[in-house]
C-alpha cells in the first residue's frame, strides 16, 4: 500500500491514537465507541470508561482525538473518477505540468474523505485529454508518485475504448507491467449506451470539440468503421489476463440485459452507470456489482437524462457509489441518501467504502471499521447541513486536520 505523508504531524507519529466520543459507523450498525489505532491498523473498538481507561493506562503515550458531535467513518474508496483530467486541462488548450496537477489534485482528496482513489484514465475516446498523448505520461507520473510519500492510496483505473485499435499494444504493455488496478471496457459509439438517442453523440462532439456538422459526420463514419473491426477474441484474452492478475473488469453504460450477458462472458463483474432500470436490475440479479454516480444522487438526476441513481439504490439494483467527475459529491451523496431515507446510514456508507473494496478485492484490509483492518478513518462534522471532513487518517497517519476560525 502507498505510504501516507504526515501533513499535520503529531508530536509522536508512532504513538497509538484513540478516537473517543464519536458516533462510529460500522458495517451494519451505528455505535458509540472509541476506535483504537496502533501502527497502521485499527487495533480495537472500545466501549465504556473502564475499557477505555485500561487501554490508555497500558499506552501512556497514546494520543486522544475527541470526536464529540462527529461521525467516524471508514475512509472512502472511489473506483471511478476522471477529475484528474480537469486538473491537467481545466480549459481547452490549457495544459498544466502533470506532477503539479497530480499533487494538487491528490491534496484535495482527504478534504472529501477519499483515502483510496482509482484515477480514471481513458484510452481511445479521443475527446479532450482522452487520447494517447497524455495517457501514458500520466500513468508514469502516478507510478512514480506511488513510490514516494503520498496523502492517499493512488490507483489506476484504465478505461479502454474497444474500437481504439491503435491502443491495443499500450493496454497490453500496461497490463504486463502491473500498472493497471482496475480495467473497464467502453463503447462510446452512436446508437447505443450513453449515445443511444439519435443525434446525441453528434451534439456532444460538436459542443465539446467545436467541430461542424460536416466534420462530426466524418468522425462518426470513421468510428463506426473501427467498431465493425473490433476483435472480440482479443478483447476476451485481455479481460481474462486482467482477471488472472486479480484486476476487476467493468463494463460501461450498459443498456440491455442482452449486453450484460455479453459482458459477463468477458469476465466483467462491475456494471458502471447502466442506462435504465431494467439493465441495472438484471446486472444486480446476475451477481454483478452495479456502480452509480454520486453527482447523480446529489443533483437528483442523471446529467444525460438516464437512470436516476437513487431509484436504482431504492430498488436494490445499485451497490457502489463513485464520484465520477466530482469528488466532493461522494460524501454528500452518502448523507443525502440517509437523510432522505433512501438507505440506512451504514448501507449508504458501505456504498462508498466496503462495497467498492469488495469489488476491487480489497475488503480484507479496507472498507470498514474493524479490528485488524487498515486505519483509514474520517471524522465528519456538519456545516449548514452539509457533511464536512475535519480529520482524515490513512494507514494510521493523520494526513488532514481542519481548523475553523471563529
Foldseek 3Di string as FASTA:
>chain_A
DFAADFAPDDPDLQAKEKEAQAFEQFLPDTDHWIFIGHFFFTADTHDDPVRVVVVCVVRVRYHYHYQHQWYKWFQFAFQAAQQLLCLQPVDPPDGDDLLVSVQVVQLCQVFLRHQHYAHEAEDDPPARNNYDPCRVVNLVSLVVVRVDHGNHHYAYEYEYEQLRVVCPVVLVVCLVVVSHLAYEYEHPAACAFLRVDPPPSVVVCCVRVVDDSVVVVVVNVVSVVSVVVRDVVSLLVSLVSCVVVLYAYEYERAEALVVLVVVVSSVHQEYEPHFALRNLQSSVVVRHAYEYELVLQVVVHDPSRGDRPLVCLLVVSHQAYHNNHHSNSLQQSLVSCCVVVSDPNSSSSQNRWVVVCVSSVNNVATRGRDRPHGPFMWIWHDDPRGITTAWTAGSSHTSHGDDDDD
